[in-house]
PDB file of all heavy atoms in Angstrom:
ATOM      1  N   TYR A   1       7.698   9.538  12.849  1.00  0.00           N
ATOM      2  CA  TYR A   1       6.635   8.632  12.404  1.00  0.00           C
ATOM      3  C   TYR A   1       7.258   7.540  11.539  1.00  0.00           C
ATOM      4  O   TYR A   1       8.383   7.666  11.041  1.00  0.00           O
ATOM      5  CB  TYR A   1       5.578   9.390  11.612  1.00  0.00           C
ATOM      6  CG  TYR A   1       6.099  10.060  10.359  1.00  0.00           C
ATOM      7  CD1 TYR A   1       6.035   9.421   9.124  1.00  0.00           C
ATOM      8  CD2 TYR A   1       6.680  11.323  10.419  1.00  0.00           C
ATOM      9  CE1 TYR A   1       6.529  10.025   7.979  1.00  0.00           C
ATOM     10  CE2 TYR A   1       7.175  11.932   9.276  1.00  0.00           C
ATOM     11  CZ  TYR A   1       7.100  11.274   8.051  1.00  0.00           C
ATOM     12  OH  TYR A   1       7.576  11.869   6.921  1.00  0.00           O
ATOM     13  N   PHE A   2       6.531   6.447  11.351  1.00  0.00           N
ATOM     14  CA  PHE A   2       7.004   5.351  10.505  1.00  0.00           C
ATOM     15  C   PHE A   2       5.794   4.517  10.062  1.00  0.00           C
ATOM     16  O   PHE A   2       4.712   4.612  10.645  1.00  0.00           O
ATOM     17  CB  PHE A   2       8.019   4.464  11.245  1.00  0.00           C
ATOM     18  CG  PHE A   2       7.510   3.893  12.540  1.00  0.00           C
ATOM     19  CD1 PHE A   2       6.859   2.663  12.579  1.00  0.00           C
ATOM     20  CD2 PHE A   2       7.672   4.588  13.736  1.00  0.00           C
ATOM     21  CE1 PHE A   2       6.381   2.138  13.775  1.00  0.00           C
ATOM     22  CE2 PHE A   2       7.200   4.067  14.930  1.00  0.00           C
ATOM     23  CZ  PHE A   2       6.550   2.841  14.953  1.00  0.00           C
ATOM     24  N   GLY A   3       6.007   3.715   9.031  1.00  0.00           N
ATOM     25  CA  GLY A   3       4.953   2.826   8.530  1.00  0.00           C
ATOM     26  C   GLY A   3       3.947   3.484   7.619  1.00  0.00           C
ATOM     27  O   GLY A   3       2.905   2.892   7.331  1.00  0.00           O
ATOM     28  N   GLU A   4       4.257   4.703   7.100  1.00  0.00           N
ATOM     29  CA  GLU A   4       3.269   5.424   6.295  1.00  0.00           C
ATOM     30  C   GLU A   4       3.001   4.767   4.953  1.00  0.00           C
ATOM     31  O   GLU A   4       1.949   4.981   4.340  1.00  0.00           O
ATOM     32  CB  GLU A   4       3.730   6.871   6.091  1.00  0.00           C
ATOM     33  CG  GLU A   4       4.924   7.063   5.176  1.00  0.00           C
ATOM     34  CD  GLU A   4       6.241   6.741   5.840  1.00  0.00           C
ATOM     35  OE1 GLU A   4       6.236   6.413   7.039  1.00  0.00           O
ATOM     36  OE2 GLU A   4       7.272   6.823   5.156  1.00  0.00           O
ATOM     37  N   VAL A   5       3.924   3.918   4.492  1.00  0.00           N
ATOM     38  CA  VAL A   5       3.734   3.247   3.203  1.00  0.00           C
ATOM     39  C   VAL A   5       2.506   2.342   3.247  1.00  0.00           C
ATOM     40  O   VAL A   5       1.808   2.161   2.250  1.00  0.00           O
ATOM     41  CB  VAL A   5       5.006   2.457   2.830  1.00  0.00           C
ATOM     42  CG1 VAL A   5       4.793   1.665   1.543  1.00  0.00           C
ATOM     43  CG2 VAL A   5       6.181   3.405   2.680  1.00  0.00           C
ATOM     44  N   ALA A   6       2.218   1.788   4.402  1.00  0.00           N
ATOM     45  CA  ALA A   6       1.078   0.878   4.528  1.00  0.00           C
ATOM     46  C   ALA A   6      -0.249   1.567   4.254  1.00  0.00           C
ATOM     47  O   ALA A   6      -1.245   0.909   3.955  1.00  0.00           O
ATOM     48  CB  ALA A   6       1.064   0.265   5.933  1.00  0.00           C
ATOM     49  N   LEU A   7      -0.291   2.897   4.337  1.00  0.00           N
ATOM     50  CA  LEU A   7      -1.550   3.602   4.091  1.00  0.00           C
ATOM     51  C   LEU A   7      -1.927   3.610   2.615  1.00  0.00           C
ATOM     52  O   LEU A   7      -3.124   3.635   2.283  1.00  0.00           O
ATOM     53  CB  LEU A   7      -1.455   5.049   4.601  1.00  0.00           C
ATOM     54  CG  LEU A   7      -1.240   5.248   6.102  1.00  0.00           C
ATOM     55  CD1 LEU A   7      -1.262   6.743   6.435  1.00  0.00           C
ATOM     56  CD2 LEU A   7      -2.277   4.510   6.921  1.00  0.00           C
ATOM     57  N   VAL A   8      -0.935   3.626   1.735  1.00  0.00           N
ATOM     58  CA  VAL A   8      -1.224   3.783   0.305  1.00  0.00           C
ATOM     59  C   VAL A   8      -0.804   2.572  -0.525  1.00  0.00           C
ATOM     60  O   VAL A   8      -1.128   2.504  -1.720  1.00  0.00           O
ATOM     61  CB  VAL A   8      -0.521   5.051  -0.237  1.00  0.00           C
ATOM     62  CG1 VAL A   8      -1.094   6.284   0.432  1.00  0.00           C
ATOM     63  CG2 VAL A   8       0.981   4.983  -0.017  1.00  0.00           C
ATOM     64  N   MET A   9      -0.057   1.616   0.053  1.00  0.00           N
ATOM     65  CA  MET A   9       0.387   0.425  -0.673  1.00  0.00           C
ATOM     66  C   MET A   9      -0.036  -0.822   0.095  1.00  0.00           C
ATOM     67  O   MET A   9       0.752  -1.414   0.841  1.00  0.00           O
ATOM     68  CB  MET A   9       1.908   0.462  -0.865  1.00  0.00           C
ATOM     69  CG  MET A   9       2.393   1.706  -1.603  1.00  0.00           C
ATOM     70  SD  MET A   9       4.193   1.811  -1.747  1.00  0.00           S
ATOM     71  CE  MET A   9       4.525   0.403  -2.793  1.00  0.00           C
ATOM     72  N   PRO A  10      -1.293  -1.232  -0.047  1.00  0.00           N
ATOM     73  CA  PRO A  10      -1.830  -2.320   0.783  1.00  0.00           C
ATOM     74  C   PRO A  10      -1.162  -3.669   0.561  1.00  0.00           C
ATOM     75  O   PRO A  10      -1.185  -4.527   1.449  1.00  0.00           O
ATOM     76  CB  PRO A  10      -3.309  -2.363   0.387  1.00  0.00           C
ATOM     77  CG  PRO A  10      -3.367  -1.726  -0.960  1.00  0.00           C
ATOM     78  CD  PRO A  10      -2.293  -0.691  -0.967  1.00  0.00           C
ATOM     79  N   ASN A  11      -0.561  -3.898  -0.614  1.00  0.00           N
ATOM     80  CA  ASN A  11       0.025  -5.206  -0.906  1.00  0.00           C
ATOM     81  C   ASN A  11       1.512  -5.281  -0.598  1.00  0.00           C
ATOM     82  O   ASN A  11       2.143  -6.306  -0.817  1.00  0.00           O
ATOM     83  CB  ASN A  11      -0.211  -5.553  -2.384  1.00  0.00           C
ATOM     84  CG  ASN A  11      -1.691  -5.654  -2.716  1.00  0.00           C
ATOM     85  OD1 ASN A  11      -2.482  -6.145  -1.905  1.00  0.00           O
ATOM     86  ND2 ASN A  11      -2.067  -5.185  -3.902  1.00  0.00           N
ATOM     87  N   GLU A  12       2.063  -4.185  -0.080  1.00  0.00           N
ATOM     88  CA  GLU A  12       3.497  -4.136   0.198  1.00  0.00           C
ATOM     89  C   GLU A  12       3.785  -4.610   1.613  1.00  0.00           C
ATOM     90  O   GLU A  12       3.085  -4.257   2.561  1.00  0.00           O
ATOM     91  CB  GLU A  12       4.007  -2.710   0.011  1.00  0.00           C
ATOM     92  CG  GLU A  12       5.508  -2.592  -0.070  1.00  0.00           C
ATOM     93  CD  GLU A  12       6.068  -3.176  -1.366  1.00  0.00           C
ATOM     94  OE1 GLU A  12       5.343  -3.180  -2.388  1.00  0.00           O
ATOM     95  OE2 GLU A  12       7.241  -3.619  -1.343  1.00  0.00           O
ATOM     96  N   LEU A  13       4.841  -5.435   1.746  1.00  0.00           N
ATOM     97  CA  LEU A  13       5.232  -5.913   3.069  1.00  0.00           C
ATOM     98  C   LEU A  13       6.108  -4.878   3.764  1.00  0.00           C
ATOM     99  O   LEU A  13       6.735  -4.039   3.119  1.00  0.00           O
ATOM    100  CB  LEU A  13       5.989  -7.241   2.937  1.00  0.00           C
ATOM    101  CG  LEU A  13       5.217  -8.411   2.299  1.00  0.00           C
ATOM    102  CD1 LEU A  13       6.113  -9.642   2.219  1.00  0.00           C
ATOM    103  CD2 LEU A  13       3.940  -8.719   3.072  1.00  0.00           C
ATOM    104  N   ARG A  14       6.173  -4.997   5.063  1.00  0.00           N
ATOM    105  CA  ARG A  14       7.032  -4.105   5.830  1.00  0.00           C
ATOM    106  C   ARG A  14       8.489  -4.365   5.448  1.00  0.00           C
ATOM    107  O   ARG A  14       8.913  -5.529   5.328  1.00  0.00           O
ATOM    108  CB  ARG A  14       6.866  -4.343   7.330  1.00  0.00           C
ATOM    109  CG  ARG A  14       5.452  -4.130   7.862  1.00  0.00           C
ATOM    110  CD  ARG A  14       5.115  -2.669   7.995  1.00  0.00           C
ATOM    111  NE  ARG A  14       3.896  -2.473   8.798  1.00  0.00           N
ATOM    112  CZ  ARG A  14       3.320  -1.297   8.986  1.00  0.00           C
ATOM    113  NH1 ARG A  14       3.837  -0.210   8.426  1.00  0.00           N
ATOM    114  NH2 ARG A  14       2.229  -1.190   9.729  1.00  0.00           N
ATOM    115  N   VAL A  15       9.243  -3.288   5.270  1.00  0.00           N
ATOM    116  CA  VAL A  15      10.641  -3.428   4.852  1.00  0.00           C
ATOM    117  C   VAL A  15      11.598  -3.373   6.029  1.00  0.00           C
ATOM    118  O   VAL A  15      12.800  -3.570   5.854  1.00  0.00           O
ATOM    119  CB  VAL A  15      11.007  -2.336   3.825  1.00  0.00           C
ATOM    120  CG1 VAL A  15      10.175  -2.485   2.567  1.00  0.00           C
ATOM    121  CG2 VAL A  15      10.830  -0.950   4.433  1.00  0.00           C
ATOM    122  N   ALA A  16      11.095  -3.077   7.218  1.00  0.00           N
ATOM    123  CA  ALA A  16      11.972  -2.972   8.393  1.00  0.00           C
ATOM    124  C   ALA A  16      11.180  -3.344   9.644  1.00  0.00           C
ATOM    125  O   ALA A  16       9.946  -3.310   9.655  1.00  0.00           O
ATOM    126  CB  ALA A  16      12.548  -1.568   8.528  1.00  0.00           C
ATOM    127  N   SER A  17      11.926  -3.701  10.666  1.00  0.00           N
ATOM    128  CA  SER A  17      11.322  -3.971  11.976  1.00  0.00           C
ATOM    129  C   SER A  17      11.525  -2.761  12.876  1.00  0.00           C
ATOM    130  O   SER A  17      12.544  -2.069  12.794  1.00  0.00           O
ATOM    131  CB  SER A  17      11.960  -5.204  12.621  1.00  0.00           C
ATOM    132  OG  SER A  17      11.725  -6.361  11.842  1.00  0.00           O
ATOM    133  N   VAL A  18      10.564  -2.527  13.733  1.00  0.00           N
ATOM    134  CA  VAL A  18      10.627  -1.402  14.671  1.00  0.00           C
ATOM    135  C   VAL A  18      10.444  -1.950  16.076  1.00  0.00           C
ATOM    136  O   VAL A  18       9.456  -2.640  16.362  1.00  0.00           O
ATOM    137  CB  VAL A  18       9.544  -0.354  14.368  1.00  0.00           C
ATOM    138  CG1 VAL A  18       9.675   0.824  15.332  1.00  0.00           C
ATOM    139  CG2 VAL A  18       9.639   0.131  12.926  1.00  0.00           C
ATOM    140  N   VAL A  19      11.419  -1.645  16.948  1.00  0.00           N
ATOM    141  CA  VAL A  19      11.413  -2.157  18.317  1.00  0.00           C
ATOM    142  C   VAL A  19      11.496  -0.981  19.285  1.00  0.00           C
ATOM    143  O   VAL A  19      12.243  -0.021  19.063  1.00  0.00           O
ATOM    144  CB  VAL A  19      12.598  -3.124  18.545  1.00  0.00           C
ATOM    145  CG1 VAL A  19      12.583  -3.658  19.984  1.00  0.00           C
ATOM    146  CG2 VAL A  19      12.547  -4.272  17.565  1.00  0.00           C
ATOM    147  N   ALA A  20      10.729  -1.060  20.377  1.00  0.00           N
ATOM    148  CA  ALA A  20      10.743  -0.004  21.387  1.00  0.00           C
ATOM    149  C   ALA A  20      12.023  -0.077  22.210  1.00  0.00           C
ATOM    150  O   ALA A  20      12.321  -1.118  22.805  1.00  0.00           O
ATOM    151  CB  ALA A  20       9.529  -0.121  22.291  1.00  0.00           C
ATOM    152  N   VAL A  21      12.786   1.007  22.205  1.00  0.00           N
ATOM    153  CA  VAL A  21      14.008   1.075  23.012  1.00  0.00           C
ATOM    154  C   VAL A  21      13.665   1.359  24.467  1.00  0.00           C
ATOM    155  O   VAL A  21      14.367   0.934  25.390  1.00  0.00           O
ATOM    156  CB  VAL A  21      14.942   2.168  22.457  1.00  0.00           C
ATOM    157  CG1 VAL A  21      16.199   2.310  23.317  1.00  0.00           C
ATOM    158  CG2 VAL A  21      15.323   1.845  21.021  1.00  0.00           C
ATOM    159  N   GLU A  22      12.600   2.088  24.700  1.00  0.00           N
ATOM    160  CA  GLU A  22      12.094   2.392  26.040  1.00  0.00           C
ATOM    161  C   GLU A  22      10.578   2.376  25.981  1.00  0.00           C
ATOM    162  O   GLU A  22       9.992   2.103  24.932  1.00  0.00           O
ATOM    163  CB  GLU A  22      12.613   3.766  26.483  1.00  0.00           C
ATOM    164  CG  GLU A  22      12.239   4.886  25.540  1.00  0.00           C
ATOM    165  CD  GLU A  22      12.832   6.219  25.955  1.00  0.00           C
ATOM    166  OE1 GLU A  22      13.279   6.325  27.106  1.00  0.00           O
ATOM    167  OE2 GLU A  22      12.836   7.139  25.131  1.00  0.00           O
ATOM    168  N   VAL A  23       9.944   2.639  27.086  1.00  0.00           N
ATOM    169  CA  VAL A  23       8.485   2.688  27.087  1.00  0.00           C
ATOM    170  C   VAL A  23       8.030   3.836  26.186  1.00  0.00           C
ATOM    171  O   VAL A  23       8.494   4.973  26.330  1.00  0.00           O
ATOM    172  CB  VAL A  23       7.935   2.883  28.511  1.00  0.00           C
ATOM    173  CG1 VAL A  23       6.415   2.879  28.498  1.00  0.00           C
ATOM    174  CG2 VAL A  23       8.450   1.789  29.432  1.00  0.00           C
ATOM    175  N   CYS A  24       7.159   3.545  25.247  1.00  0.00           N
ATOM    176  CA  CYS A  24       6.742   4.519  24.239  1.00  0.00           C
ATOM    177  C   CYS A  24       5.226   4.636  24.195  1.00  0.00           C
ATOM    178  O   CYS A  24       4.504   3.645  24.379  1.00  0.00           O
ATOM    179  CB  CYS A  24       7.233   4.111  22.842  1.00  0.00           C
ATOM    180  SG  CYS A  24       9.008   3.933  22.687  1.00  0.00           S
ATOM    181  N   GLU A  25       4.776   5.841  23.927  1.00  0.00           N
ATOM    182  CA  GLU A  25       3.363   6.070  23.612  1.00  0.00           C
ATOM    183  C   GLU A  25       3.276   6.471  22.153  1.00  0.00           C
ATOM    184  O   GLU A  25       3.865   7.472  21.737  1.00  0.00           O
ATOM    185  CB  GLU A  25       2.756   7.158  24.494  1.00  0.00           C
ATOM    186  CG  GLU A  25       1.271   7.368  24.190  1.00  0.00           C
ATOM    187  CD  GLU A  25       0.635   8.445  25.047  1.00  0.00           C
ATOM    188  OE1 GLU A  25       1.391   9.184  25.722  1.00  0.00           O
ATOM    189  OE2 GLU A  25      -0.604   8.558  25.031  1.00  0.00           O
ATOM    190  N   LEU A  26       2.561   5.667  21.372  1.00  0.00           N
ATOM    191  CA  LEU A  26       2.409   5.902  19.943  1.00  0.00           C
ATOM    192  C   LEU A  26       0.943   6.148  19.615  1.00  0.00           C
ATOM    193  O   LEU A  26       0.050   5.708  20.342  1.00  0.00           O
ATOM    194  CB  LEU A  26       2.918   4.702  19.138  1.00  0.00           C
ATOM    195  CG  LEU A  26       4.316   4.179  19.466  1.00  0.00           C
ATOM    196  CD1 LEU A  26       4.659   3.006  18.561  1.00  0.00           C
ATOM    197  CD2 LEU A  26       5.363   5.266  19.321  1.00  0.00           C
ATOM    198  N   TYR A  27       0.726   6.856  18.514  1.00  0.00           N
ATOM    199  CA  TYR A  27      -0.626   7.038  17.985  1.00  0.00           C
ATOM    200  C   TYR A  27      -0.730   6.272  16.666  1.00  0.00           C
ATOM    201  O   TYR A  27       0.097   6.456  15.764  1.00  0.00           O
ATOM    202  CB  TYR A  27      -0.946   8.516  17.775  1.00  0.00           C
ATOM    203  CG  TYR A  27      -1.264   9.232  19.066  1.00  0.00           C
ATOM    204  CD1 TYR A  27      -0.273   9.931  19.751  1.00  0.00           C
ATOM    205  CD2 TYR A  27      -2.548   9.190  19.597  1.00  0.00           C
ATOM    206  CE1 TYR A  27      -0.559  10.586  20.939  1.00  0.00           C
ATOM    207  CE2 TYR A  27      -2.841   9.837  20.782  1.00  0.00           C
ATOM    208  CZ  TYR A  27      -1.842  10.528  21.446  1.00  0.00           C
ATOM    209  OH  TYR A  27      -2.135  11.175  22.622  1.00  0.00           O
ATOM    210  N   ARG A  28      -1.743   5.458  16.569  1.00  0.00           N
ATOM    211  CA  ARG A  28      -1.907   4.544  15.427  1.00  0.00           C
ATOM    212  C   ARG A  28      -2.995   5.059  14.486  1.00  0.00           C
ATOM    213  O   ARG A  28      -4.081   5.447  14.927  1.00  0.00           O
ATOM    214  CB  ARG A  28      -2.287   3.158  15.939  1.00  0.00           C
ATOM    215  CG  ARG A  28      -2.487   2.088  14.897  1.00  0.00           C
ATOM    216  CD  ARG A  28      -2.810   0.763  15.604  1.00  0.00           C
ATOM    217  NE  ARG A  28      -2.943  -0.325  14.670  1.00  0.00           N
ATOM    218  CZ  ARG A  28      -4.072  -0.672  14.070  1.00  0.00           C
ATOM    219  NH1 ARG A  28      -5.188   0.011  14.323  1.00  0.00           N
ATOM    220  NH2 ARG A  28      -4.104  -1.705  13.241  1.00  0.00           N
ATOM    221  N   LEU A  29      -2.686   5.089  13.189  1.00  0.00           N
ATOM    222  CA  LEU A  29      -3.664   5.474  12.163  1.00  0.00           C
ATOM    223  C   LEU A  29      -3.804   4.302  11.197  1.00  0.00           C
ATOM    224  O   LEU A  29      -2.860   3.945  10.486  1.00  0.00           O
ATOM    225  CB  LEU A  29      -3.196   6.724  11.419  1.00  0.00           C
ATOM    226  CG  LEU A  29      -4.083   7.198  10.252  1.00  0.00           C
ATOM    227  CD1 LEU A  29      -5.484   7.553  10.750  1.00  0.00           C
ATOM    228  CD2 LEU A  29      -3.454   8.389   9.533  1.00  0.00           C
ATOM    229  N   SER A  30      -4.991   3.696  11.147  1.00  0.00           N
ATOM    230  CA  SER A  30      -5.204   2.523  10.301  1.00  0.00           C
ATOM    231  C   SER A  30      -5.457   2.931   8.854  1.00  0.00           C
ATOM    232  O   SER A  30      -5.915   4.049   8.579  1.00  0.00           O
ATOM    233  CB  SER A  30      -6.386   1.701  10.824  1.00  0.00           C
ATOM    234  OG  SER A  30      -7.598   2.413  10.645  1.00  0.00           O
ATOM    235  N   ARG A  31      -5.143   2.013   7.950  1.00  0.00           N
ATOM    236  CA  ARG A  31      -5.315   2.281   6.521  1.00  0.00           C
ATOM    237  C   ARG A  31      -6.789   2.464   6.167  1.00  0.00           C
ATOM    238  O   ARG A  31      -7.146   3.343   5.372  1.00  0.00           O
ATOM    239  CB  ARG A  31      -4.719   1.143   5.696  1.00  0.00           C
ATOM    240  CG  ARG A  31      -4.858   1.373   4.185  1.00  0.00           C
ATOM    241  CD  ARG A  31      -4.103   0.351   3.373  1.00  0.00           C
ATOM    242  NE  ARG A  31      -4.523  -1.006   3.665  1.00  0.00           N
ATOM    243  CZ  ARG A  31      -3.710  -1.984   4.066  1.00  0.00           C
ATOM    244  NH1 ARG A  31      -2.428  -1.730   4.228  1.00  0.00           N
ATOM    245  NH2 ARG A  31      -4.161  -3.202   4.317  1.00  0.00           N
ATOM    246  N   GLY A  32      -7.658   1.669   6.744  1.00  0.00           N
ATOM    247  CA  GLY A  32      -9.080   1.776   6.442  1.00  0.00           C
ATOM    248  C   GLY A  32      -9.652   3.134   6.826  1.00  0.00           C
ATOM    249  O   GLY A  32     -10.377   3.758   6.038  1.00  0.00           O
ATOM    250  N   ASP A  33      -9.322   3.597   8.038  1.00  0.00           N
ATOM    251  CA  ASP A  33      -9.812   4.914   8.479  1.00  0.00           C
ATOM    252  C   ASP A  33      -9.269   6.025   7.589  1.00  0.00           C
ATOM    253  O   ASP A  33      -9.990   6.946   7.206  1.00  0.00           O
ATOM    254  CB  ASP A  33      -9.400   5.162   9.936  1.00  0.00           C
ATOM    255  CG  ASP A  33     -10.171   4.296  10.913  1.00  0.00           C
ATOM    256  OD1 ASP A  33     -11.267   3.829  10.544  1.00  0.00           O
ATOM    257  OD2 ASP A  33      -9.674   4.086  12.033  1.00  0.00           O
ATOM    258  N   PHE A  34      -7.973   5.912   7.250  1.00  0.00           N
ATOM    259  CA  PHE A  34      -7.363   6.959   6.426  1.00  0.00           C
ATOM    260  C   PHE A  34      -7.970   6.984   5.027  1.00  0.00           C
ATOM    261  O   PHE A  34      -8.254   8.057   4.472  1.00  0.00           O
ATOM    262  CB  PHE A  34      -5.857   6.717   6.346  1.00  0.00           C
ATOM    263  CG  PHE A  34      -5.138   7.699   5.474  1.00  0.00           C
ATOM    264  CD1 PHE A  34      -4.970   9.013   5.882  1.00  0.00           C
ATOM    265  CD2 PHE A  34      -4.635   7.310   4.232  1.00  0.00           C
ATOM    266  CE1 PHE A  34      -4.306   9.925   5.066  1.00  0.00           C
ATOM    267  CE2 PHE A  34      -3.980   8.225   3.429  1.00  0.00           C
ATOM    268  CZ  PHE A  34      -3.814   9.526   3.847  1.00  0.00           C
ATOM    269  N   ALA A  35      -8.202   5.810   4.452  1.00  0.00           N
ATOM    270  CA  ALA A  35      -8.762   5.740   3.096  1.00  0.00           C
ATOM    271  C   ALA A  35     -10.161   6.320   3.050  1.00  0.00           C
ATOM    272  O   ALA A  35     -10.518   7.052   2.120  1.00  0.00           O
ATOM    273  CB  ALA A  35      -8.756   4.289   2.614  1.00  0.00           C
ATOM    274  N   ARG A  36     -10.981   6.011   4.057  1.00  0.00           N
ATOM    275  CA  ARG A  36     -12.346   6.545   4.073  1.00  0.00           C
ATOM    276  C   ARG A  36     -12.344   8.069   4.233  1.00  0.00           C
ATOM    277  O   ARG A  36     -13.217   8.760   3.694  1.00  0.00           O
ATOM    278  CB  ARG A  36     -13.143   5.895   5.202  1.00  0.00           C
ATOM    279  CG  ARG A  36     -13.613   4.473   4.898  1.00  0.00           C
ATOM    280  CD  ARG A  36     -14.580   3.977   5.968  1.00  0.00           C
ATOM    281  NE  ARG A  36     -13.934   3.841   7.261  1.00  0.00           N
ATOM    282  CZ  ARG A  36     -13.295   2.746   7.678  1.00  0.00           C
ATOM    283  NH1 ARG A  36     -13.201   1.692   6.862  1.00  0.00           N
ATOM    284  NH2 ARG A  36     -12.740   2.690   8.861  1.00  0.00           N
ATOM    285  N   THR A  37     -11.382   8.566   4.973  1.00  0.00           N
ATOM    286  CA  THR A  37     -11.327  10.014   5.208  1.00  0.00           C
ATOM    287  C   THR A  37     -10.815  10.770   3.987  1.00  0.00           C
ATOM    288  O   THR A  37     -11.326  11.831   3.635  1.00  0.00           O
ATOM    289  CB  THR A  37     -10.415  10.313   6.418  1.00  0.00           C
ATOM    290  OG1 THR A  37     -10.868   9.576   7.557  1.00  0.00           O
ATOM    291  CG2 THR A  37     -10.437  11.792   6.764  1.00  0.00           C
ATOM    292  N   ILE A  38      -9.803  10.195   3.317  1.00  0.00           N
ATOM    293  CA  ILE A  38      -9.175  10.891   2.189  1.00  0.00           C
ATOM    294  C   ILE A  38      -9.896  10.621   0.870  1.00  0.00           C
ATOM    295  O   ILE A  38      -9.625  11.277  -0.146  1.00  0.00           O
ATOM    296  CB  ILE A  38      -7.687  10.464   2.094  1.00  0.00           C
ATOM    297  CG1 ILE A  38      -6.851  11.514   1.341  1.00  0.00           C
ATOM    298  CG2 ILE A  38      -7.565   9.105   1.423  1.00  0.00           C
ATOM    299  CD1 ILE A  38      -6.651  12.781   2.099  1.00  0.00           C
ATOM    300  N   HIS A  39     -10.825   9.682   0.860  1.00  0.00           N
ATOM    301  CA  HIS A  39     -11.512   9.281  -0.382  1.00  0.00           C
ATOM    302  C   HIS A  39     -12.166  10.453  -1.127  1.00  0.00           C
ATOM    303  O   HIS A  39     -12.086  10.513  -2.372  1.00  0.00           O
ATOM    304  CB  HIS A  39     -12.561   8.214  -0.075  1.00  0.00           C
ATOM    305  CG  HIS A  39     -13.316   7.747  -1.292  1.00  0.00           C
ATOM    306  ND1 HIS A  39     -12.736   6.952  -2.266  1.00  0.00           N
ATOM    307  CD2 HIS A  39     -14.599   7.986  -1.700  1.00  0.00           C
ATOM    308  CE1 HIS A  39     -13.628   6.730  -3.221  1.00  0.00           C
ATOM    309  NE2 HIS A  39     -14.763   7.335  -2.896  1.00  0.00           N
ATOM    310  N   PRO A  40     -12.803  11.416  -0.462  1.00  0.00           N
ATOM    311  CA  PRO A  40     -13.417  12.537  -1.200  1.00  0.00           C
ATOM    312  C   PRO A  40     -12.392  13.488  -1.834  1.00  0.00           C
ATOM    313  O   PRO A  40     -12.792  14.416  -2.538  1.00  0.00           O
ATOM    314  CB  PRO A  40     -14.238  13.265  -0.123  1.00  0.00           C
ATOM    315  CG  PRO A  40     -14.407  12.276   0.972  1.00  0.00           C
ATOM    316  CD  PRO A  40     -13.155  11.469   0.967  1.00  0.00           C
ATOM    317  N   TYR A  41     -11.099  13.259  -1.629  1.00  0.00           N
ATOM    318  CA  TYR A  41     -10.070  14.150  -2.156  1.00  0.00           C
ATOM    319  C   TYR A  41      -9.108  13.342  -3.033  1.00  0.00           C
ATOM    320  O   TYR A  41      -7.990  13.018  -2.611  1.00  0.00           O
ATOM    321  CB  TYR A  41      -9.298  14.827  -1.019  1.00  0.00           C
ATOM    322  CG  TYR A  41     -10.173  15.556  -0.025  1.00  0.00           C
ATOM    323  CD1 TYR A  41     -10.702  14.906   1.085  1.00  0.00           C
ATOM    324  CD2 TYR A  41     -10.461  16.906  -0.183  1.00  0.00           C
ATOM    325  CE1 TYR A  41     -11.503  15.584   2.001  1.00  0.00           C
ATOM    326  CE2 TYR A  41     -11.244  17.594   0.729  1.00  0.00           C
ATOM    327  CZ  TYR A  41     -11.769  16.916   1.811  1.00  0.00           C
ATOM    328  OH  TYR A  41     -12.548  17.591   2.723  1.00  0.00           O
ATOM    329  N   PRO A  42      -9.496  12.990  -4.254  1.00  0.00           N
ATOM    330  CA  PRO A  42      -8.648  12.124  -5.106  1.00  0.00           C
ATOM    331  C   PRO A  42      -7.303  12.752  -5.442  1.00  0.00           C
ATOM    332  O   PRO A  42      -6.292  12.038  -5.536  1.00  0.00           O
ATOM    333  CB  PRO A  42      -9.506  11.923  -6.364  1.00  0.00           C
ATOM    334  CG  PRO A  42     -10.500  13.048  -6.356  1.00  0.00           C
ATOM    335  CD  PRO A  42     -10.756  13.357  -4.914  1.00  0.00           C
ATOM    336  N   MET A  43      -7.240  14.058  -5.655  1.00  0.00           N
ATOM    337  CA  MET A  43      -5.977  14.705  -5.980  1.00  0.00           C
ATOM    338  C   MET A  43      -4.999  14.605  -4.819  1.00  0.00           C
ATOM    339  O   MET A  43      -3.804  14.319  -5.004  1.00  0.00           O
ATOM    340  CB  MET A  43      -6.222  16.169  -6.346  1.00  0.00           C
ATOM    341  CG  MET A  43      -7.072  16.366  -7.593  1.00  0.00           C
ATOM    342  SD  MET A  43      -6.251  15.699  -9.061  1.00  0.00           S
ATOM    343  CE  MET A  43      -4.869  16.801  -9.199  1.00  0.00           C
TER     344      MET A  43
END
């Protein structure tokens, strides 16, 4: 996995580029969806 910093640090820019070496299937988790889901669990 990669890009997890974007879930908790909204003002931070990407520190690296990611390029597909071959055909890839990825699963994407957006920050908004994650924040709404984790919001009831502050700890």
